Amino acid sequence: MTPNNFDIEKTKLTVGTHEVCPIPTGLFGLDGGAMFGTVPKVLWERSNPPDNKNRIPMEARALLLKSPGCNVLIDTGNGKDFVAKYGEKLGNKFAEMYAMEESGPSLLKSLATHGLKPEDVHHVILTHLHFDHAGGATTERDGKLVPTFPKAQYYVQKGNLETASHPNLREKASYYAANFQPLIDAGVLKVIDGPQEILPGISVLISNGHTQAQQVVKITDGKTTVLYCGDMVPTSSHVKIPWLMGYDLHPLTLMEEKQKHLSEAADQHWYLFFEHDPYCDAALIERSGHDFAVQKRFQL
């Protein structure tokens, strides 16, 4: 249920030739305290009410940029085949711990609503390789883990791949080789280093606050701009600079990054696209003193 204080407007959004299409991959739950770090529960529970285990609902929302002859997917969600990919014990543990929704949308179901099959996706940009962002990048086929999108070029930052390959103890539970090694083996993972334009009008900015070398995706045609925030700003509640996750490795770095990028977003009227917000897809923001606030939320 959407909180009473959320006014959400339905709209359609295009950037250049791209139709901007939210791709929900399934709800799951995370501890509310972990999601809001040092923010008191009495504040965050107003906008993100928890269940009896203190978990708040989260979406794993990918983004499809659909245009004639070129379909670009940003992130891939959790993936629904945890048992097959990680083994029965770990797969069941994932489903229980994170309250994963068995029914409802999935990556491939959501793509199908736009008339697309896995082979119709040409590019997959992975913000980072945490399991809730890259879990749908690979799948089991004929007893072997392979790329989910057989004709796609995948993109990830060099620094993030290095972190995922040799994770620190803090992040070890979030990075799984099953989500990226099959891409390397198939020769479809393009490793890039630093901010750059990947495709015309589609570029990546680097954020090191949440994890090493997360790439935030900027889509623009010079008039309309969408920023796919990934875990830099996971939900619309997190547009406030000090509202950070307990999962973030470098909070002060992340606050500086948010200040920089959200200043541009507010001043230039960018749409922020939220990967984990269960209630809205995107928002416009505005300055609020020395901080930021949501101006308007959207369902695309």
C-alpha atoms as a PDB file:
ATOM      1  CA  MET A   1       0.000   0.000   0.000  1.00  0.00           C
ATOM      2  CA  THR A   2       1.339   3.431  -0.924  1.00  0.00           C
ATOM      3  CA  PRO A   3       1.900   5.728   2.092  1.00  0.00           C
ATOM      4  CA  ASN A   4      -0.768   8.399   2.446  1.00  0.00           C
ATOM      5  CA  ASN A   5       1.753  11.204   2.094  1.00  0.00           C
ATOM      6  CA  PHE A   6       2.836  10.044  -1.380  1.00  0.00           C
ATOM      7  CA  ASP A   7       1.098  11.738  -4.309  1.00  0.00           C
ATOM      8  CA  ILE A   8       2.092   9.786  -7.410  1.00  0.00           C
ATOM      9  CA  GLU A   9       1.356  10.947 -10.958  1.00  0.00           C
ATOM     10  CA  LYS A  10       1.169   8.619 -13.932  1.00  0.00           C
ATOM     11  CA  THR A  11       3.123   9.701 -16.993  1.00  0.00           C
ATOM     12  CA  LYS A  12       5.037   8.421 -20.013  1.00  0.00           C
ATOM     13  CA  LEU A  13       8.632   9.394 -20.578  1.00  0.00           C
ATOM     14  CA  THR A  14      10.817   9.346 -23.674  1.00  0.00           C
ATOM     15  CA  VAL A  15      14.408  10.481 -24.108  1.00  0.00           C
ATOM     16  CA  GLY A  16      15.354  10.958 -27.737  1.00  0.00           C
ATOM     17  CA  THR A  17      14.314   7.767 -29.533  1.00  0.00           C
ATOM     18  CA  HIS A  18      14.194   5.813 -26.264  1.00  0.00           C
ATOM     19  CA  GLU A  19      10.952   4.894 -24.569  1.00  0.00           C
ATOM     20  CA  VAL A  20      11.712   4.768 -20.836  1.00  0.00           C
ATOM     21  CA  CYS A  21      10.188   1.551 -19.475  1.00  0.00           C
ATOM     22  CA  PRO A  22      10.363   0.394 -15.837  1.00  0.00           C
ATOM     23  CA  ILE A  23      11.072  -3.329 -15.586  1.00  0.00           C
ATOM     24  CA  PRO A  24      10.000  -4.607 -12.155  1.00  0.00           C
ATOM     25  CA  THR A  25      11.715  -7.906 -11.342  1.00  0.00           C
ATOM     26  CA  GLY A  26      10.033  -8.696  -8.037  1.00  0.00           C
ATOM     27  CA  LEU A  27       9.528  -7.421  -4.518  1.00  0.00           C
ATOM     28  CA  PHE A  28      11.745  -8.430  -1.626  1.00  0.00           C
ATOM     29  CA  GLY A  29      12.330  -7.218   1.923  1.00  0.00           C
ATOM     30  CA  LEU A  30      15.281  -5.652   3.696  1.00  0.00           C
ATOM     31  CA  ASP A  31      15.696  -4.592   7.301  1.00  0.00           C
ATOM     32  CA  GLY A  32      14.481  -1.015   7.630  1.00  0.00           C
ATOM     33  CA  GLY A  33      17.273  -0.079  10.008  1.00  0.00           C
ATOM     34  CA  ALA A  34      19.866  -1.307   7.535  1.00  0.00           C
ATOM     35  CA  MET A  35      18.209   0.623   4.721  1.00  0.00           C
ATOM     36  CA  PHE A  36      18.235   3.909   6.639  1.00  0.00           C
ATOM     37  CA  GLY A  37      21.381   3.605   8.733  1.00  0.00           C
ATOM     38  CA  THR A  38      21.480   6.248  11.478  1.00  0.00           C
ATOM     39  CA  VAL A  39      18.075   7.749  10.600  1.00  0.00           C
ATOM     40  CA  PRO A  40      15.700   7.081  13.537  1.00  0.00           C
ATOM     41  CA  LYS A  41      12.920   4.605  12.854  1.00  0.00           C
ATOM     42  CA  VAL A  42      10.315   7.140  13.990  1.00  0.00           C
ATOM     43  CA  LEU A  43      11.232   9.149  10.868  1.00  0.00           C
ATOM     44  CA  TRP A  44      11.665   6.502   8.158  1.00  0.00           C
ATOM     45  CA  GLU A  45       8.684   4.336   9.127  1.00  0.00           C
ATOM     46  CA  ARG A  46       6.347   7.149   8.044  1.00  0.00           C
ATOM     47  CA  SER A  47       7.307   6.713   4.403  1.00  0.00           C
ATOM     48  CA  ASN A  48       8.479   3.076   4.496  1.00  0.00           C
ATOM     49  CA  PRO A  49       6.398   1.110   7.025  1.00  0.00           C
ATOM     50  CA  PRO A  50       8.043  -2.197   8.094  1.00  0.00           C
ATOM     51  CA  ASP A  51       6.577  -5.655   8.662  1.00  0.00           C
ATOM     52  CA  ASN A  52       6.683  -7.516  11.994  1.00  0.00           C
ATOM     53  CA  LYS A  53      10.316  -8.496  11.315  1.00  0.00           C
ATOM     54  CA  ASN A  54      11.280  -4.859  10.659  1.00  0.00           C
ATOM     55  CA  ARG A  55      11.657  -5.503   6.919  1.00  0.00           C
ATOM     56  CA  ILE A  56      10.478  -2.870   4.461  1.00  0.00           C
ATOM     57  CA  PRO A  57       9.253  -3.738   0.957  1.00  0.00           C
ATOM     58  CA  MET A  58      11.768  -3.142  -1.820  1.00  0.00           C
ATOM     59  CA  GLU A  59      11.520  -3.404  -5.588  1.00  0.00           C
ATOM     60  CA  ALA A  60      14.354  -4.621  -7.780  1.00  0.00           C
ATOM     61  CA  ARG A  61      13.518  -2.379 -10.735  1.00  0.00           C
ATOM     62  CA  ALA A  62      15.527  -2.556 -13.929  1.00  0.00           C
ATOM     63  CA  LEU A  63      15.140   0.010 -16.701  1.00  0.00           C
ATOM     64  CA  LEU A  64      14.520  -0.707 -20.354  1.00  0.00           C
ATOM     65  CA  LEU A  65      15.420   1.908 -22.948  1.00  0.00           C
ATOM     66  CA  LYS A  66      13.354   0.735 -25.892  1.00  0.00           C
ATOM     67  CA  SER A  67      13.949   2.131 -29.344  1.00  0.00           C
ATOM     68  CA  PRO A  68      13.834   0.827 -32.923  1.00  0.00           C
ATOM     69  CA  GLY A  69      16.697  -1.605 -33.448  1.00  0.00           C
ATOM     70  CA  CYS A  70      18.327  -1.029 -30.043  1.00  0.00           C
ATOM     71  CA  ASN A  71      17.087  -2.180 -26.656  1.00  0.00           C
ATOM     72  CA  VAL A  72      19.199  -1.275 -23.635  1.00  0.00           C
ATOM     73  CA  LEU A  73      18.643  -2.812 -20.208  1.00  0.00           C
ATOM     74  CA  ILE A  74      20.054  -1.247 -17.042  1.00  0.00           C
ATOM     75  CA  ASP A  75      20.511  -3.771 -14.211  1.00  0.00           C
ATOM     76  CA  THR A  76      18.753  -7.127 -14.020  1.00  0.00           C
ATOM     77  CA  GLY A  77      17.298  -7.492 -10.523  1.00  0.00           C
ATOM     78  CA  ASN A  78      17.646 -10.444  -8.175  1.00  0.00           C
ATOM     79  CA  GLY A  79      17.021 -13.231 -10.664  1.00  0.00           C
ATOM     80  CA  LYS A  80      14.355 -15.790  -9.850  1.00  0.00           C
ATOM     81  CA  ASP A  81      16.479 -18.955 -10.110  1.00  0.00           C
ATOM     82  CA  PHE A  82      18.437 -18.760  -6.860  1.00  0.00           C
ATOM     83  CA  VAL A  83      18.143 -22.475  -6.144  1.00  0.00           C
ATOM     84  CA  ALA A  84      19.554 -23.413  -9.552  1.00  0.00           C
ATOM     85  CA  LYS A  85      22.319 -20.821  -9.491  1.00  0.00           C
ATOM     86  CA  TYR A  86      23.473 -20.961  -5.896  1.00  0.00           C
ATOM     87  CA  GLY A  87      22.450 -24.413  -4.715  1.00  0.00           C
ATOM     88  CA  GLU A  88      19.281 -25.431  -2.926  1.00  0.00           C
ATOM     89  CA  LYS A  89      20.407 -24.527   0.608  1.00  0.00           C
ATOM     90  CA  LEU A  90      21.603 -21.037  -0.239  1.00  0.00           C
ATOM     91  CA  GLY A  91      18.745 -20.410  -2.640  1.00  0.00           C
ATOM     92  CA  ASN A  92      16.122 -21.199  -0.022  1.00  0.00           C
ATOM     93  CA  LYS A  93      18.013 -19.150   2.558  1.00  0.00           C
ATOM     94  CA  PHE A  94      17.970 -16.149   0.199  1.00  0.00           C
ATOM     95  CA  ALA A  95      14.242 -16.458  -0.395  1.00  0.00           C
ATOM     96  CA  GLU A  96      13.430 -16.640   3.297  1.00  0.00           C
ATOM     97  CA  MET A  97      15.883 -14.018   4.560  1.00  0.00           C
ATOM     98  CA  TYR A  98      14.904 -11.415   1.978  1.00  0.00           C
ATOM     99  CA  ALA A  99      11.163 -12.207   1.880  1.00  0.00           C
ATOM    100  CA  MET A 100      11.349 -12.714  -1.862  1.00  0.00           C
ATOM    101  CA  GLU A 101       8.041 -12.677  -3.651  1.00  0.00           C
ATOM    102  CA  GLU A 102       7.509 -15.950  -5.491  1.00  0.00           C
ATOM    103  CA  SER A 103       4.631 -14.696  -7.635  1.00  0.00           C
ATOM    104  CA  GLY A 104       4.324 -11.351  -9.325  1.00  0.00           C
ATOM    105  CA  PRO A 105       6.685  -9.804 -11.862  1.00  0.00           C
ATOM    106  CA  SER A 106      10.029 -11.163 -12.927  1.00  0.00           C
ATOM    107  CA  LEU A 107      12.680  -9.853 -15.291  1.00  0.00           C
ATOM    108  CA  LEU A 108      11.578 -11.906 -18.284  1.00  0.00           C
ATOM    109  CA  LYS A 109       7.852 -11.484 -17.591  1.00  0.00           C
ATOM    110  CA  SER A 110       8.245  -7.718 -17.458  1.00  0.00           C
ATOM    111  CA  LEU A 111      10.270  -7.644 -20.680  1.00  0.00           C
ATOM    112  CA  ALA A 112       7.580  -9.772 -22.323  1.00  0.00           C
ATOM    113  CA  THR A 113       4.958  -7.111 -21.556  1.00  0.00           C
ATOM    114  CA  HIS A 114       6.971  -4.889 -23.930  1.00  0.00           C
ATOM    115  CA  GLY A 115       7.080  -7.604 -26.574  1.00  0.00           C
ATOM    116  CA  LEU A 116      10.714  -8.536 -25.936  1.00  0.00           C
ATOM    117  CA  LYS A 117      12.446 -11.884 -25.575  1.00  0.00           C
ATOM    118  CA  PRO A 118      15.968 -12.324 -24.123  1.00  0.00           C
ATOM    119  CA  GLU A 119      17.514 -12.304 -27.595  1.00  0.00           C
ATOM    120  CA  ASP A 120      15.928  -8.888 -28.303  1.00  0.00           C
ATOM    121  CA  VAL A 121      18.136  -7.111 -25.728  1.00  0.00           C
ATOM    122  CA  HIS A 122      21.274  -5.612 -27.290  1.00  0.00           C
ATOM    123  CA  HIS A 123      23.057  -4.000 -24.336  1.00  0.00           C
ATOM    124  CA  VAL A 124      23.005  -4.614 -20.563  1.00  0.00           C
ATOM    125  CA  ILE A 125      24.567  -1.992 -18.288  1.00  0.00           C
ATOM    126  CA  LEU A 126      25.246  -3.296 -14.770  1.00  0.00           C
ATOM    127  CA  THR A 127      25.541  -0.540 -12.180  1.00  0.00           C
ATOM    128  CA  HIS A 128      27.431  -2.968  -9.951  1.00  0.00           C
ATOM    129  CA  LEU A 129      27.542  -6.693  -9.286  1.00  0.00           C
ATOM    130  CA  HIS A 130      25.652  -7.006  -6.001  1.00  0.00           C
ATOM    131  CA  PHE A 131      23.189  -9.878  -6.315  1.00  0.00           C
ATOM    132  CA  ASP A 132      20.090  -7.660  -6.285  1.00  0.00           C
ATOM    133  CA  HIS A 133      21.387  -5.774  -9.337  1.00  0.00           C
ATOM    134  CA  ALA A 134      23.131  -8.502 -11.345  1.00  0.00           C
ATOM    135  CA  GLY A 135      21.183 -11.602 -10.299  1.00  0.00           C
ATOM    136  CA  GLY A 136      19.286 -11.722 -13.577  1.00  0.00           C
ATOM    137  CA  ALA A 137      22.394 -11.310 -15.739  1.00  0.00           C
ATOM    138  CA  THR A 138      22.937 -15.074 -15.955  1.00  0.00           C
ATOM    139  CA  THR A 139      20.664 -18.074 -15.999  1.00  0.00           C
ATOM    140  CA  GLU A 140      20.844 -21.845 -16.084  1.00  0.00           C
ATOM    141  CA  ARG A 141      20.418 -23.406 -19.508  1.00  0.00           C
ATOM    142  CA  ASP A 142      20.982 -27.127 -20.218  1.00  0.00           C
ATOM    143  CA  GLY A 143      22.664 -27.537 -16.848  1.00  0.00           C
ATOM    144  CA  LYS A 144      25.118 -24.673 -17.408  1.00  0.00           C
ATOM    145  CA  LEU A 145      25.201 -21.069 -16.270  1.00  0.00           C
ATOM    146  CA  VAL A 146      25.109 -18.761 -19.291  1.00  0.00           C
ATOM    147  CA  PRO A 147      24.244 -15.116 -20.091  1.00  0.00           C
ATOM    148  CA  THR A 148      20.501 -14.519 -19.841  1.00  0.00           C
ATOM    149  CA  PHE A 149      20.637 -12.278 -22.906  1.00  0.00           C
ATOM    150  CA  PRO A 150      22.519 -14.267 -25.552  1.00  0.00           C
ATOM    151  CA  LYS A 151      23.005 -11.436 -28.055  1.00  0.00           C
ATOM    152  CA  ALA A 152      23.783  -8.650 -25.603  1.00  0.00           C
ATOM    153  CA  GLN A 153      26.988  -6.834 -24.766  1.00  0.00           C
ATOM    154  CA  TYR A 154      27.261  -6.390 -20.987  1.00  0.00           C
ATOM    155  CA  TYR A 155      29.090  -3.471 -19.326  1.00  0.00           C
ATOM    156  CA  VAL A 156      30.636  -3.139 -15.859  1.00  0.00           C
ATOM    157  CA  GLN A 157      33.296  -0.978 -14.266  1.00  0.00           C
ATOM    158  CA  LYS A 158      36.789  -2.441 -13.862  1.00  0.00           C
ATOM    159  CA  GLY A 159      36.965  -1.431 -10.210  1.00  0.00           C
ATOM    160  CA  ASN A 160      33.672  -3.101  -9.403  1.00  0.00           C
ATOM    161  CA  LEU A 161      34.587  -6.337 -11.152  1.00  0.00           C
ATOM    162  CA  GLU A 162      37.828  -6.421  -9.180  1.00  0.00           C
ATOM    163  CA  THR A 163      35.883  -5.895  -5.950  1.00  0.00           C
ATOM    164  CA  ALA A 164      33.357  -8.583  -6.866  1.00  0.00           C
ATOM    165  CA  SER A 165      36.139 -11.044  -7.732  1.00  0.00           C
ATOM    166  CA  HIS A 166      37.915 -10.433  -4.402  1.00  0.00           C
ATOM    167  CA  PRO A 167      35.210  -9.089  -2.075  1.00  0.00           C
ATOM    168  CA  ASN A 168      35.944  -7.669   1.345  1.00  0.00           C
ATOM    169  CA  LEU A 169      34.338  -9.340   4.357  1.00  0.00           C
ATOM    170  CA  ARG A 170      31.669  -6.641   4.540  1.00  0.00           C
ATOM    171  CA  GLU A 171      30.403  -7.322   1.003  1.00  0.00           C
ATOM    172  CA  LYS A 172      31.180 -11.007   0.600  1.00  0.00           C
ATOM    173  CA  ALA A 173      27.521 -11.941   1.048  1.00  0.00           C
ATOM    174  CA  SER A 174      26.496  -9.629  -1.812  1.00  0.00           C
ATOM    175  CA  TYR A 175      28.876 -10.668  -4.595  1.00  0.00           C
ATOM    176  CA  TYR A 176      28.533 -14.077  -6.294  1.00  0.00           C
ATOM    177  CA  ALA A 177      30.658 -15.319  -9.161  1.00  0.00           C
ATOM    178  CA  ALA A 178      27.597 -17.044 -10.600  1.00  0.00           C
ATOM    179  CA  ASN A 179      26.321 -13.607 -11.625  1.00  0.00           C
ATOM    180  CA  PHE A 180      29.371 -12.519 -13.612  1.00  0.00           C
ATOM    181  CA  GLN A 181      31.806 -15.376 -14.318  1.00  0.00           C
ATOM    182  CA  PRO A 182      29.535 -16.864 -17.031  1.00  0.00           C
ATOM    183  CA  LEU A 183      29.604 -13.452 -18.755  1.00  0.00           C
ATOM    184  CA  ILE A 184      33.403 -13.470 -18.713  1.00  0.00           C
ATOM    185  CA  ASP A 185      33.517 -17.062 -19.965  1.00  0.00           C
ATOM    186  CA  ALA A 186      31.165 -16.210 -22.831  1.00  0.00           C
ATOM    187  CA  GLY A 187      33.231 -13.161 -23.811  1.00  0.00           C
ATOM    188  CA  VAL A 188      30.283 -10.764 -23.517  1.00  0.00           C
ATOM    189  CA  LEU A 189      31.396  -8.652 -20.533  1.00  0.00           C
ATOM    190  CA  LYS A 190      32.987  -5.372 -21.562  1.00  0.00           C
ATOM    191  CA  VAL A 191      35.033  -3.942 -18.710  1.00  0.00           C
ATOM    192  CA  ILE A 192      35.225  -0.150 -18.790  1.00  0.00           C
ATOM    193  CA  ASP A 193      37.204   2.173 -16.559  1.00  0.00           C
ATOM    194  CA  GLY A 194      35.851   5.526 -15.431  1.00  0.00           C
ATOM    195  CA  PRO A 195      33.027   7.852 -16.481  1.00  0.00           C
ATOM    196  CA  GLN A 196      32.283   7.781 -20.202  1.00  0.00           C
ATOM    197  CA  GLU A 197      29.628   7.635 -22.886  1.00  0.00           C
ATOM    198  CA  ILE A 198      28.718   4.007 -23.579  1.00  0.00           C
ATOM    199  CA  LEU A 199      26.165   4.614 -26.336  1.00  0.00           C
ATOM    200  CA  PRO A 200      24.908   7.842 -27.932  1.00  0.00           C
ATOM    201  CA  GLY A 201      23.127   9.784 -25.195  1.00  0.00           C
ATOM    202  CA  ILE A 202      23.874   7.122 -22.562  1.00  0.00           C
ATOM    203  CA  SER A 203      26.804   7.734 -20.233  1.00  0.00           C
ATOM    204  CA  VAL A 204      27.945   6.547 -16.816  1.00  0.00           C
ATOM    205  CA  LEU A 205      29.028   8.511 -13.758  1.00  0.00           C
ATOM    206  CA  ILE A 206      31.083   6.882 -11.013  1.00  0.00           C
ATOM    207  CA  SER A 207      30.020   6.569  -7.381  1.00  0.00           C
ATOM    208  CA  ASN A 208      32.312   4.989  -4.777  1.00  0.00           C
ATOM    209  CA  GLY A 209      30.264   5.621  -1.645  1.00  0.00           C
ATOM    210  CA  HIS A 210      28.057   2.533  -1.659  1.00  0.00           C
ATOM    211  CA  THR A 211      30.583   0.143  -3.141  1.00  0.00           C
ATOM    212  CA  GLN A 212      33.685   0.497  -5.263  1.00  0.00           C
ATOM    213  CA  ALA A 213      33.061   1.820  -8.790  1.00  0.00           C
ATOM    214  CA  GLN A 214      29.294   1.745  -9.026  1.00  0.00           C
ATOM    215  CA  GLN A 215      28.242   3.301 -12.333  1.00  0.00           C
ATOM    216  CA  VAL A 216      25.188   5.552 -12.246  1.00  0.00           C
ATOM    217  CA  VAL A 217      23.600   5.844 -15.685  1.00  0.00           C
ATOM    218  CA  LYS A 218      22.657   9.171 -17.271  1.00  0.00           C
ATOM    219  CA  ILE A 219      20.353   9.196 -20.295  1.00  0.00           C
ATOM    220  CA  THR A 220      19.825  12.502 -22.075  1.00  0.00           C
ATOM    221  CA  ASP A 221      18.829  14.027 -25.392  1.00  0.00           C
ATOM    222  CA  GLY A 222      19.763  17.557 -24.361  1.00  0.00           C
ATOM    223  CA  LYS A 223      16.201  18.372 -23.299  1.00  0.00           C
ATOM    224  CA  THR A 224      15.116  15.502 -21.086  1.00  0.00           C
ATOM    225  CA  THR A 225      17.488  13.711 -18.720  1.00  0.00           C
ATOM    226  CA  VAL A 226      16.969  10.576 -16.638  1.00  0.00           C
ATOM    227  CA  LEU A 227      19.456   9.492 -13.977  1.00  0.00           C
ATOM    228  CA  TYR A 228      19.295   5.810 -13.047  1.00  0.00           C
ATOM    229  CA  CYS A 229      20.438   6.130  -9.461  1.00  0.00           C
ATOM    230  CA  GLY A 230      21.220   2.527  -8.536  1.00  0.00           C
ATOM    231  CA  ASP A 231      22.242   2.391  -4.886  1.00  0.00           C
ATOM    232  CA  MET A 232      23.474   5.979  -4.764  1.00  0.00           C
ATOM    233  CA  VAL A 233      19.823   6.962  -4.139  1.00  0.00           C
ATOM    234  CA  PRO A 234      17.924   3.660  -3.802  1.00  0.00           C
ATOM    235  CA  THR A 235      14.457   5.093  -3.055  1.00  0.00           C
ATOM    236  CA  SER A 236      12.736   8.457  -3.207  1.00  0.00           C
ATOM    237  CA  SER A 237      13.060   8.652   0.592  1.00  0.00           C
ATOM    238  CA  HIS A 238      16.839   8.694   0.183  1.00  0.00           C
ATOM    239  CA  VAL A 239      17.045  12.003  -1.709  1.00  0.00           C
ATOM    240  CA  LYS A 240      17.867  13.646   1.614  1.00  0.00           C
ATOM    241  CA  ILE A 241      21.664  13.883   1.765  1.00  0.00           C
ATOM    242  CA  PRO A 242      22.139  12.287   5.223  1.00  0.00           C
ATOM    243  CA  TRP A 243      19.610   9.508   4.610  1.00  0.00           C
ATOM    244  CA  LEU A 244      22.054   6.717   3.810  1.00  0.00           C
ATOM    245  CA  MET A 245      22.001   2.941   4.027  1.00  0.00           C
ATOM    246  CA  GLY A 246      23.849   0.959   6.669  1.00  0.00           C
ATOM    247  CA  TYR A 247      25.178  -1.041   3.708  1.00  0.00           C
ATOM    248  CA  ASP A 248      27.105   1.936   2.300  1.00  0.00           C
ATOM    249  CA  LEU A 249      30.866   1.457   2.663  1.00  0.00           C
ATOM    250  CA  HIS A 250      31.901   5.122   2.653  1.00  0.00           C
ATOM    251  CA  PRO A 251      29.083   7.342   4.002  1.00  0.00           C
ATOM    252  CA  LEU A 252      30.920  10.667   3.810  1.00  0.00           C
ATOM    253  CA  THR A 253      31.999   9.978   0.226  1.00  0.00           C
ATOM    254  CA  LEU A 254      28.438   9.090  -0.680  1.00  0.00           C
ATOM    255  CA  MET A 255      27.100  12.294   0.852  1.00  0.00           C
ATOM    256  CA  GLU A 256      29.527  14.307  -1.283  1.00  0.00           C
ATOM    257  CA  GLU A 257      28.451  12.377  -4.393  1.00  0.00           C
ATOM    258  CA  LYS A 258      24.775  12.928  -3.644  1.00  0.00           C
ATOM    259  CA  GLN A 259      25.365  16.636  -3.093  1.00  0.00           C
ATOM    260  CA  LYS A 260      27.078  16.933  -6.469  1.00  0.00           C
ATOM    261  CA  HIS A 261      24.706  14.877  -8.612  1.00  0.00           C
ATOM    262  CA  LEU A 262      21.454  15.875  -6.905  1.00  0.00           C
ATOM    263  CA  SER A 263      22.391  19.541  -7.252  1.00  0.00           C
ATOM    264  CA  GLU A 264      22.528  19.042 -11.012  1.00  0.00           C
ATOM    265  CA  ALA A 265      19.314  17.033 -10.957  1.00  0.00           C
ATOM    266  CA  ALA A 266      17.422  19.692  -9.013  1.00  0.00           C
ATOM    267  CA  ASP A 267      18.752  22.676 -10.971  1.00  0.00           C
ATOM    268  CA  GLN A 268      18.380  21.064 -14.412  1.00  0.00           C
ATOM    269  CA  HIS A 269      15.114  19.212 -13.734  1.00  0.00           C
ATOM    270  CA  TRP A 270      16.440  15.700 -14.256  1.00  0.00           C
ATOM    271  CA  TYR A 271      14.198  12.730 -13.539  1.00  0.00           C
ATOM    272  CA  LEU A 272      15.664  10.444 -10.898  1.00  0.00           C
ATOM    273  CA  PHE A 273      14.847   6.790 -11.542  1.00  0.00           C
ATOM    274  CA  PHE A 274      14.758   4.610  -8.410  1.00  0.00           C
ATOM    275  CA  GLU A 275      15.775   0.976  -8.485  1.00  0.00           C
ATOM    276  CA  HIS A 276      14.443  -0.017  -5.065  1.00  0.00           C
ATOM    277  CA  ASP A 277      11.452   2.232  -4.370  1.00  0.00           C
ATOM    278  CA  PRO A 278       8.365  -0.009  -4.036  1.00  0.00           C
ATOM    279  CA  TYR A 279       5.938   2.877  -4.551  1.00  0.00           C
ATOM    280  CA  CYS A 280       7.166   4.985  -7.470  1.00  0.00           C
ATOM    281  CA  ASP A 281       9.445   4.671 -10.484  1.00  0.00           C
ATOM    282  CA  ALA A 282      10.869   8.159 -10.671  1.00  0.00           C
ATOM    283  CA  ALA A 283      10.747  11.658  -9.252  1.00  0.00           C
ATOM    284  CA  LEU A 284      11.666  15.280  -9.796  1.00  0.00           C
ATOM    285  CA  ILE A 285      13.436  16.892  -6.851  1.00  0.00           C
ATOM    286  CA  GLU A 286      13.995  20.414  -5.576  1.00  0.00           C
ATOM    287  CA  ARG A 287      16.344  22.151  -3.194  1.00  0.00           C
ATOM    288  CA  SER A 288      15.151  22.361   0.408  1.00  0.00           C
ATOM    289  CA  GLY A 289      17.486  24.633   2.347  1.00  0.00           C
ATOM    290  CA  HIS A 290      20.869  22.924   2.252  1.00  0.00           C
ATOM    291  CA  ASP A 291      19.243  19.601   1.345  1.00  0.00           C
ATOM    292  CA  PHE A 292      16.840  18.174  -1.235  1.00  0.00           C
ATOM    293  CA  ALA A 293      13.218  17.050  -1.246  1.00  0.00           C
ATOM    294  CA  VAL A 294      10.912  15.260  -3.658  1.00  0.00           C
ATOM    295  CA  GLN A 295       8.915  17.691  -5.778  1.00  0.00           C
ATOM    296  CA  LYS A 296       6.794  15.112  -7.590  1.00  0.00           C
ATOM    297  CA  ARG A 297       6.741  11.305  -7.797  1.00  0.00           C
ATOM    298  CA  PHE A 298       5.862   9.395 -10.964  1.00  0.00           C
ATOM    299  CA  GLN A 299       4.702   6.002 -12.073  1.00  0.00           C
ATOM    300  CA  LEU A 300       5.915   5.484 -15.644  1.00  0.00           C
END
